[in-house]
Amino acid sequence: MDTTTSTPFPGAGRRTTTLSALLLASTLTVMAGTVLAPVVAAIRTDLGVSGTAAGLILTAHGLSLAITSPFVGWAIDRWGLRTPLTAGLVLYGVAGGAGLLADSYAVLIASRFVFGIGAAAVFTGTTVALMALFEGPERDRVAGWRSTAIGLGGVVWPLIAGVLAVRSWHGPFAIYLVGIPVGIAMLFAMPRIPATGGAGAPGGGTMALFRTAPRLLGMYALSLVSSFLLYVLIVFLPQRFDQIGVADPLVIAAITASLSLAGSGSGLFYGRLRAAMGYVALLRCALVLWGLAFVVGASMSHAIPLALAAVLFGAGSGISVPALAMWIGETAPAAMRGRAMAFSGTANFAGQFAAPVVAGPLVGATSITVGFVAAGALCALVLLVLLFLKPGAARQAAPVAARPQPRQAAPSGR
């Protein structure tokens, strides 16, 4: 149950600036791996690594992110949001940009692991900020805008990466450097949000969180599955295009961008959908779209239908990303929200890391088609679980607008 009031802004101008910085920072979460999709084949060839090893370049940061996210969440609950988020953005830029100078697989993978620490702070911090600064129907609208911004970032950044990849596979790593100026801007734009994990916070750490809100475990499982499915598509769809003779980095970048563009479009409608549907219903819709994406990917062997697979999956992600984030944030106790969102990051990026590790051997032993069929079957299985979810759990997903909203706290001068 959501019991947090929003943090008041000093003025309308500051509100617009903060929201703009927050939306811009949110676009960085989606490009953690996707900007490198156009150069996976080139890195594989130049460094002489296997397809699974090349896929890990897209997802290695997920392991360090999964490990460090709980510590980031604890730091936000304990000391507040602005400093961890700013530091994370700067680290994101420095470690991500290190790929410009990498000349071996070992160095590249090491930089990706360090990059994951910064990405953990960006992923958790931007979501916690949204929960702290907005409430009620306005929060749903902003969540939809954030989903749209993430989708647009997923269009713009991969297209720029495709252009930079024409000359060298090192080029796309330059895009990560944008985290440095965004971090500096966030330091000045973000209002001081007091730490919530001090006096009055539930004790007992992680176990207290799960005792208080056991439904979070199921939500984290959904986050892991959704991220796993996304990266199965991101890692192996470019390789599927390569099989049919489409290997131009700009074309692959455009396909990756179509996934994000579809997510951006569906994100624009998220606020309206959320007003009419609960979280469980929204996630069911996303799973249907994902299942259709893998059916198309498994059954088609021409470029345009295969591109449709990316569009279908992106449309589902534009719904699921804000739905899962807001559902988790509203279910967690306010004083433990940083940790709750951090564990979401752990689940999310563990799914990213697992995608090539789990699906890679299956695809290697059979085919990409078989891998996509297996991913579609996983979509059907999770959808079946959600269809039989107990009514009591579904009621927890009732729209925020239907519940009485807490009064906004008066400015305290902090």
Protein backbone atom coordinates (compact mmCIF):
# COMPACT_ATOMS: atom_id res chain seq x y z
CA MET A 1 0.00 0.00 0.00
CA ASP A 2 1.36 3.37 -0.97
CA THR A 3 1.57 5.71 2.00
CA THR A 4 4.14 8.25 0.84
CA THR A 5 3.35 11.86 0.21
CA SER A 6 5.28 13.59 -2.52
CA THR A 7 8.19 15.89 -1.85
CA PRO A 8 7.12 19.48 -2.57
CA PHE A 9 8.98 21.47 -5.22
CA PRO A 10 10.25 24.98 -4.42
CA GLY A 11 8.58 26.31 -7.59
CA ALA A 12 7.11 25.48 -10.98
CA GLY A 13 10.37 26.22 -12.81
CA ARG A 14 12.32 23.89 -10.55
CA ARG A 15 9.63 21.23 -11.05
CA THR A 16 10.02 21.35 -14.85
CA THR A 17 13.81 21.29 -14.66
CA THR A 18 13.83 18.34 -12.27
CA LEU A 19 11.36 16.36 -14.35
CA SER A 20 13.37 17.03 -17.53
CA ALA A 21 16.61 15.88 -15.88
CA LEU A 22 14.87 12.81 -14.47
CA LEU A 23 13.42 11.84 -17.85
CA LEU A 24 16.79 12.35 -19.56
CA ALA A 25 18.55 10.21 -16.97
CA SER A 26 15.88 7.54 -17.42
CA THR A 27 16.79 7.20 -21.10
CA LEU A 28 20.24 6.01 -20.02
CA THR A 29 18.83 2.88 -18.40
CA VAL A 30 17.61 1.44 -21.69
CA MET A 31 20.87 2.05 -23.55
CA ALA A 32 22.96 0.08 -21.06
CA GLY A 33 23.14 -2.75 -23.55
CA THR A 34 21.08 -1.86 -26.60
CA VAL A 35 23.53 0.68 -28.06
CA LEU A 36 26.03 -2.14 -28.49
CA ALA A 37 23.63 -4.44 -30.37
CA PRO A 38 24.76 -3.15 -33.81
CA VAL A 39 28.40 -4.08 -33.13
CA VAL A 40 28.05 -7.48 -31.43
CA ALA A 41 28.91 -9.32 -34.66
CA ALA A 42 31.89 -7.01 -35.31
CA ILE A 43 33.24 -7.45 -31.77
CA ARG A 44 32.83 -11.21 -32.07
CA THR A 45 34.85 -11.24 -35.29
CA ASP A 46 37.54 -8.76 -34.22
CA LEU A 47 38.17 -10.27 -30.80
CA GLY A 48 37.64 -13.86 -31.91
CA VAL A 49 35.05 -14.84 -29.29
CA SER A 50 32.01 -17.10 -29.39
CA GLY A 51 28.45 -15.89 -29.89
CA THR A 52 27.69 -16.43 -26.21
CA ALA A 53 30.81 -14.48 -25.15
CA ALA A 54 29.86 -11.66 -27.51
CA GLY A 55 26.36 -11.62 -26.02
CA LEU A 56 27.87 -11.17 -22.57
CA ILE A 57 29.24 -7.80 -23.70
CA LEU A 58 25.61 -6.68 -23.85
CA THR A 59 24.70 -8.18 -20.49
CA ALA A 60 27.82 -8.47 -18.27
CA HIS A 61 26.92 -5.23 -16.52
CA GLY A 62 23.74 -6.96 -15.39
CA LEU A 63 25.68 -9.22 -13.02
CA SER A 64 27.46 -6.42 -11.18
CA LEU A 65 24.25 -4.39 -11.19
CA ALA A 66 22.35 -7.31 -9.68
CA ILE A 67 24.97 -7.70 -6.94
CA THR A 68 25.37 -4.02 -6.06
CA SER A 69 21.75 -2.86 -6.39
CA PRO A 70 20.77 -3.80 -2.80
CA PHE A 71 23.68 -1.72 -1.48
CA VAL A 72 22.64 1.22 -3.66
CA GLY A 73 19.07 0.93 -2.38
CA TRP A 74 20.25 0.82 1.22
CA ALA A 75 22.39 3.93 0.64
CA ILE A 76 19.40 5.82 -0.81
CA ASP A 77 17.18 4.85 2.13
CA ARG A 78 19.91 5.76 4.61
CA TRP A 79 21.39 8.97 3.16
CA GLY A 80 18.94 10.28 0.59
CA LEU A 81 18.75 10.24 -3.19
CA ARG A 82 20.71 13.09 -4.77
CA THR A 83 24.31 12.05 -4.01
CA PRO A 84 24.01 8.34 -4.94
CA LEU A 85 22.17 9.21 -8.16
CA THR A 86 24.70 11.88 -9.17
CA ALA A 87 27.69 9.64 -8.41
CA GLY A 88 26.08 6.76 -10.29
CA LEU A 89 25.53 8.86 -13.40
CA VAL A 90 29.16 10.01 -13.45
CA LEU A 91 30.45 6.45 -12.96
CA TYR A 92 28.07 5.30 -15.70
CA GLY A 93 29.70 7.77 -18.10
CA VAL A 94 33.31 7.05 -17.16
CA ALA A 95 33.12 3.24 -17.09
CA GLY A 96 30.84 3.01 -20.11
CA GLY A 97 33.06 5.30 -22.15
CA ALA A 98 36.10 3.16 -21.26
CA GLY A 99 35.08 0.83 -24.10
CA LEU A 100 36.46 3.45 -26.49
CA LEU A 101 39.97 2.42 -25.45
CA ALA A 102 39.45 -1.31 -24.87
CA ASP A 103 41.61 -3.52 -27.07
CA SER A 104 40.94 -6.96 -25.58
CA TYR A 105 37.94 -8.97 -24.47
CA ALA A 106 39.16 -9.10 -20.85
CA VAL A 107 39.49 -5.32 -20.59
CA LEU A 108 36.13 -4.78 -22.25
CA ILE A 109 34.30 -7.18 -19.92
CA ALA A 110 36.01 -5.68 -16.85
CA SER A 111 34.83 -2.19 -17.84
CA ARG A 112 31.31 -3.53 -18.33
CA PHE A 113 31.26 -4.92 -14.79
CA VAL A 114 32.31 -1.54 -13.34
CA PHE A 115 29.76 0.15 -15.57
CA GLY A 116 27.05 -1.99 -13.95
CA ILE A 117 27.67 -0.34 -10.57
CA GLY A 118 26.88 3.08 -12.01
CA ALA A 119 23.90 1.68 -13.89
CA ALA A 120 22.54 0.29 -10.60
CA ALA A 121 22.41 3.78 -9.10
CA VAL A 122 20.78 5.22 -12.23
CA PHE A 123 18.16 2.48 -12.48
CA THR A 124 17.18 2.58 -8.81
CA GLY A 125 17.60 6.33 -8.27
CA THR A 126 15.43 7.48 -11.17
CA THR A 127 12.59 5.18 -10.13
CA VAL A 128 12.74 6.15 -6.45
CA ALA A 129 12.78 9.83 -7.45
CA LEU A 130 9.60 9.37 -9.47
CA MET A 131 7.89 7.69 -6.51
CA ALA A 132 9.05 10.41 -4.09
CA LEU A 133 8.21 13.45 -6.20
CA PHE A 134 4.80 12.48 -7.59
CA GLU A 135 1.69 10.72 -6.36
CA GLY A 136 -1.73 9.50 -7.47
CA PRO A 137 -2.88 9.95 -11.08
CA GLU A 138 -0.04 12.41 -11.70
CA ARG A 139 2.44 9.66 -10.84
CA ASP A 140 0.80 7.40 -13.43
CA ARG A 141 1.04 10.13 -16.06
CA VAL A 142 4.70 10.78 -15.29
CA ALA A 143 5.37 7.03 -15.28
CA GLY A 144 3.93 6.90 -18.79
CA TRP A 145 6.08 9.87 -19.85
CA ARG A 146 9.10 8.12 -18.39
CA SER A 147 8.27 5.00 -20.39
CA THR A 148 7.98 7.17 -23.50
CA ALA A 149 11.30 8.87 -22.73
CA ILE A 150 12.95 5.48 -22.25
CA GLY A 151 11.49 4.36 -25.57
CA LEU A 152 12.68 7.49 -27.36
CA GLY A 153 16.12 7.01 -25.85
CA GLY A 154 16.03 3.49 -27.18
CA VAL A 155 15.39 4.94 -30.64
CA VAL A 156 17.85 7.83 -30.64
CA TRP A 157 20.82 6.22 -28.89
CA PRO A 158 20.95 3.01 -31.01
CA LEU A 159 20.63 5.04 -34.22
CA ILE A 160 23.55 7.22 -33.15
CA ALA A 161 25.39 4.02 -32.22
CA GLY A 162 24.75 2.65 -35.70
CA VAL A 163 26.30 5.75 -37.26
CA LEU A 164 29.32 5.59 -34.94
CA ALA A 165 29.71 1.84 -35.59
CA VAL A 166 30.27 2.32 -39.32
CA ARG A 167 33.95 3.17 -38.80
CA SER A 168 34.73 1.05 -35.73
CA TRP A 169 32.99 -1.10 -33.13
CA HIS A 170 34.54 1.17 -30.48
CA GLY A 171 32.43 4.13 -31.63
CA PRO A 172 29.14 3.36 -29.82
CA PHE A 173 30.90 3.39 -26.43
CA ALA A 174 31.27 7.17 -26.77
CA ILE A 175 27.52 7.52 -26.18
CA TYR A 176 27.90 6.47 -22.54
CA LEU A 177 29.93 9.62 -21.83
CA VAL A 178 26.65 11.57 -21.76
CA GLY A 179 26.18 10.23 -18.23
CA ILE A 180 28.79 12.69 -16.96
CA PRO A 181 27.00 15.96 -17.87
CA VAL A 182 23.63 14.44 -16.92
CA GLY A 183 25.06 13.62 -13.49
CA ILE A 184 26.28 17.19 -13.02
CA ALA A 185 22.87 18.53 -14.09
CA MET A 186 21.12 16.19 -11.65
CA LEU A 187 23.23 17.50 -8.78
CA PHE A 188 21.71 20.95 -9.25
CA ALA A 189 18.24 20.00 -10.52
CA MET A 190 17.16 17.36 -8.00
CA PRO A 191 15.55 18.74 -4.83
CA ARG A 192 16.90 17.39 -1.58
CA ILE A 193 14.75 14.35 -0.83
CA PRO A 194 15.25 13.38 2.84
CA ALA A 195 16.38 9.85 3.62
CA THR A 196 13.46 7.63 4.60
CA GLY A 197 15.35 4.83 6.27
CA GLY A 198 16.09 6.57 9.51
CA ALA A 199 13.84 6.93 12.51
CA GLY A 200 10.60 5.07 12.20
CA ALA A 201 11.82 2.78 9.43
CA PRO A 202 11.03 -0.92 9.81
CA GLY A 203 13.95 -2.83 11.25
CA GLY A 204 15.45 -6.10 10.10
CA GLY A 205 16.67 -5.14 6.65
CA THR A 206 15.85 -7.35 3.70
CA MET A 207 13.88 -9.98 5.62
CA ALA A 208 11.71 -7.25 7.15
CA LEU A 209 10.96 -5.97 3.65
CA PHE A 210 9.77 -9.37 2.45
CA ARG A 211 7.84 -10.07 5.65
CA THR A 212 6.05 -6.75 5.28
CA ALA A 213 5.32 -7.13 1.57
CA PRO A 214 5.74 -10.80 0.48
CA ARG A 215 4.04 -10.05 -2.86
CA LEU A 216 7.26 -8.32 -3.89
CA LEU A 217 8.87 -11.71 -4.53
CA GLY A 218 6.38 -12.46 -7.29
CA MET A 219 6.89 -9.01 -8.79
CA TYR A 220 10.64 -9.53 -8.83
CA ALA A 221 10.14 -12.85 -10.60
CA LEU A 222 8.12 -11.02 -13.26
CA SER A 223 10.88 -8.42 -13.60
CA LEU A 224 13.47 -11.14 -14.10
CA VAL A 225 11.39 -12.95 -16.73
CA SER A 226 10.55 -9.77 -18.64
CA SER A 227 14.22 -8.73 -18.79
CA PHE A 228 15.31 -12.24 -19.76
CA LEU A 229 12.84 -12.31 -22.65
CA LEU A 230 13.88 -8.83 -23.82
CA TYR A 231 17.53 -9.77 -24.03
CA VAL A 232 16.86 -13.08 -25.72
CA LEU A 233 15.35 -10.95 -28.47
CA ILE A 234 18.07 -8.27 -28.42
CA VAL A 235 20.94 -10.78 -28.47
CA PHE A 236 19.59 -13.23 -31.05
CA LEU A 237 17.39 -11.16 -33.36
CA PRO A 238 20.44 -9.41 -34.91
CA GLN A 239 22.02 -12.82 -35.40
CA ARG A 240 18.78 -13.99 -37.06
CA PHE A 241 19.02 -11.07 -39.47
CA ASP A 242 22.63 -11.99 -40.17
CA GLN A 243 21.45 -15.48 -41.15
CA ILE A 244 19.16 -14.06 -43.82
CA GLY A 245 21.89 -11.79 -45.19
CA VAL A 246 21.11 -8.54 -43.35
CA ALA A 247 24.26 -7.47 -41.49
CA ASP A 248 24.52 -3.68 -42.03
CA PRO A 249 25.00 -2.05 -38.58
CA LEU A 250 22.66 0.81 -39.53
CA VAL A 251 19.89 -1.64 -40.44
CA ILE A 252 20.34 -3.59 -37.22
CA ALA A 253 20.32 -0.32 -35.28
CA ALA A 254 17.05 0.65 -36.98
CA ILE A 255 15.50 -2.69 -35.97
CA THR A 256 16.60 -2.19 -32.37
CA ALA A 257 15.22 1.34 -32.50
CA SER A 258 11.84 0.07 -33.73
CA LEU A 259 11.53 -1.95 -30.52
CA SER A 260 12.05 1.15 -28.42
CA LEU A 261 9.88 3.33 -30.65
CA ALA A 262 6.97 0.94 -30.18
CA GLY A 263 7.56 1.06 -26.42
CA SER A 264 7.59 4.84 -26.54
CA GLY A 265 4.25 4.85 -28.35
CA SER A 266 2.53 2.50 -25.91
CA GLY A 267 4.01 4.46 -23.01
CA LEU A 268 2.09 7.54 -24.14
CA PHE A 269 -1.13 5.64 -23.47
CA TYR A 270 -0.01 4.15 -20.17
CA GLY A 271 -1.76 6.75 -18.01
CA ARG A 272 -5.11 6.06 -19.70
CA LEU A 273 -4.61 2.30 -19.59
CA ARG A 274 -3.69 2.48 -15.92
CA ALA A 275 -6.86 4.42 -15.14
CA ALA A 276 -8.92 1.60 -16.68
CA MET A 277 -6.90 -1.49 -15.77
CA GLY A 278 -5.04 -2.94 -12.82
CA TYR A 279 -1.38 -3.90 -12.87
CA VAL A 280 -2.08 -7.60 -13.38
CA ALA A 281 -4.25 -6.93 -16.45
CA LEU A 282 -1.58 -4.65 -17.91
CA LEU A 283 1.07 -7.35 -17.47
CA ARG A 284 -1.18 -9.94 -19.11
CA CYS A 285 -1.44 -7.69 -22.16
CA ALA A 286 2.35 -7.33 -22.25
CA LEU A 287 2.86 -11.10 -22.12
CA VAL A 288 0.46 -11.62 -25.03
CA LEU A 289 2.40 -9.13 -27.13
CA TRP A 290 5.73 -10.73 -26.18
CA GLY A 291 4.47 -14.20 -27.04
CA LEU A 292 3.32 -12.96 -30.45
CA ALA A 293 6.75 -11.37 -30.99
CA PHE A 294 8.53 -14.68 -30.49
CA VAL A 295 6.03 -16.54 -32.67
CA VAL A 296 6.76 -14.08 -35.48
CA GLY A 297 10.52 -14.30 -34.87
CA ALA A 298 10.44 -18.08 -34.99
CA SER A 299 8.22 -18.45 -38.04
CA MET A 300 9.40 -15.70 -40.40
CA SER A 301 12.54 -15.55 -42.54
CA HIS A 302 12.17 -12.15 -44.22
CA ALA A 303 13.37 -8.80 -42.92
CA ILE A 304 10.06 -6.90 -42.62
CA PRO A 305 8.14 -9.61 -40.69
CA LEU A 306 11.15 -10.09 -38.43
CA ALA A 307 11.15 -6.36 -37.72
CA LEU A 308 7.52 -6.76 -36.64
CA ALA A 309 8.73 -9.05 -33.85
CA ALA A 310 10.72 -6.14 -32.41
CA VAL A 311 7.70 -3.80 -32.68
CA LEU A 312 5.39 -6.24 -30.89
CA PHE A 313 7.85 -6.80 -28.07
CA GLY A 314 8.49 -3.08 -27.69
CA ALA A 315 4.77 -2.33 -27.42
CA GLY A 316 4.51 -4.81 -24.56
CA SER A 317 7.55 -3.37 -22.80
CA GLY A 318 6.11 0.14 -22.94
CA ILE A 319 3.27 -1.16 -20.77
CA SER A 320 5.16 -3.54 -18.49
CA VAL A 321 8.07 -1.28 -17.49
CA PRO A 322 6.00 1.45 -15.77
CA ALA A 323 3.45 -1.07 -14.48
CA LEU A 324 6.04 -3.20 -12.69
CA ALA A 325 7.98 -0.22 -11.36
CA MET A 326 4.92 1.51 -9.93
CA TRP A 327 3.41 -1.71 -8.57
CA ILE A 328 6.63 -2.51 -6.70
CA GLY A 329 7.02 1.06 -5.46
CA GLU A 330 3.44 1.24 -4.18
CA THR A 331 3.63 -2.18 -2.51
CA ALA A 332 6.86 -1.51 -0.58
CA PRO A 333 6.88 0.42 2.71
CA ALA A 334 7.87 4.02 2.02
CA ALA A 335 10.85 3.83 4.38
CA MET A 336 12.26 0.83 2.45
CA ARG A 337 11.42 1.95 -1.08
CA GLY A 338 15.05 2.38 -2.12
CA ARG A 339 15.81 -1.22 -1.22
CA ALA A 340 12.60 -2.46 -2.83
CA MET A 341 13.39 -0.75 -6.13
CA ALA A 342 17.02 -1.90 -5.88
CA PHE A 343 15.95 -5.53 -5.66
CA SER A 344 13.85 -4.87 -8.74
CA GLY A 345 17.07 -3.81 -10.46
CA THR A 346 18.75 -6.98 -9.21
CA ALA A 347 15.99 -9.12 -10.72
CA ASN A 348 15.84 -7.08 -13.91
CA PHE A 349 19.52 -7.20 -14.72
CA ALA A 350 20.00 -10.76 -13.50
CA GLY A 351 17.52 -11.61 -16.25
CA GLN A 352 19.63 -9.67 -18.76
CA PHE A 353 22.79 -11.48 -17.70
CA ALA A 354 21.08 -14.87 -17.80
CA ALA A 355 19.66 -14.45 -21.32
CA PRO A 356 22.79 -15.36 -23.34
CA VAL A 357 24.02 -17.80 -20.68
CA VAL A 358 20.78 -19.81 -20.67
CA ALA A 359 19.52 -19.31 -24.21
CA GLY A 360 22.97 -19.33 -25.85
CA PRO A 361 23.69 -23.05 -25.35
CA LEU A 362 20.15 -23.94 -26.47
CA VAL A 363 20.47 -21.85 -29.61
CA GLY A 364 23.98 -23.21 -30.24
CA ALA A 365 22.80 -26.81 -29.97
CA THR A 366 19.66 -26.25 -32.07
CA SER A 367 18.80 -22.97 -33.78
CA ILE A 368 17.60 -19.44 -33.12
CA THR A 369 14.14 -20.57 -34.18
CA VAL A 370 14.06 -23.16 -31.39
CA GLY A 371 15.28 -20.54 -28.93
CA PHE A 372 12.45 -18.20 -29.92
CA VAL A 373 9.89 -21.01 -29.62
CA ALA A 374 11.15 -21.73 -26.10
CA ALA A 375 10.90 -18.03 -25.20
CA GLY A 376 7.33 -17.94 -26.52
CA ALA A 377 6.48 -20.98 -24.41
CA LEU A 378 7.85 -19.17 -21.34
CA CYS A 379 5.55 -16.22 -22.14
CA ALA A 380 2.58 -18.59 -22.29
CA LEU A 381 3.52 -20.20 -18.97
CA VAL A 382 3.81 -16.89 -17.12
CA LEU A 383 0.56 -15.66 -18.70
CA LEU A 384 -1.15 -18.81 -17.46
CA VAL A 385 0.08 -18.07 -13.92
CA LEU A 386 -1.25 -14.51 -14.10
CA LEU A 387 -4.61 -15.69 -15.46
CA PHE A 388 -5.05 -17.87 -12.38
CA LEU A 389 -3.79 -15.28 -9.92
CA LYS A 390 -5.97 -15.15 -6.83
CA PRO A 391 -8.59 -12.38 -6.85
CA GLY A 392 -7.13 -10.94 -3.66
CA ALA A 393 -3.80 -10.34 -5.37
CA ALA A 394 -5.53 -8.77 -8.32
CA ARG A 395 -7.34 -6.33 -6.07
CA GLN A 396 -3.95 -5.06 -4.92
CA ALA A 397 -3.51 -3.83 -8.47
CA ALA A 398 -6.52 -1.51 -8.39
CA PRO A 399 -5.80 1.92 -9.85
CA VAL A 400 -4.29 4.43 -7.47
CA ALA A 401 -6.95 6.91 -8.50
CA ALA A 402 -9.56 4.63 -6.93
CA ARG A 403 -7.98 4.86 -3.49
CA PRO A 404 -8.05 7.84 -1.16
CA GLN A 405 -4.89 9.86 -1.64
CA PRO A 406 -2.84 11.13 1.30
CA ARG A 407 -2.62 14.84 1.74
CA GLN A 408 0.54 16.42 0.39
CA ALA A 409 2.92 17.46 3.12
CA ALA A 410 3.35 21.19 3.59
CA PRO A 411 6.78 22.59 2.75
CA SER A 412 9.03 22.25 5.76
CA GLY A 413 11.83 24.53 4.66
CA ARG A 414 14.29 21.67 4.19
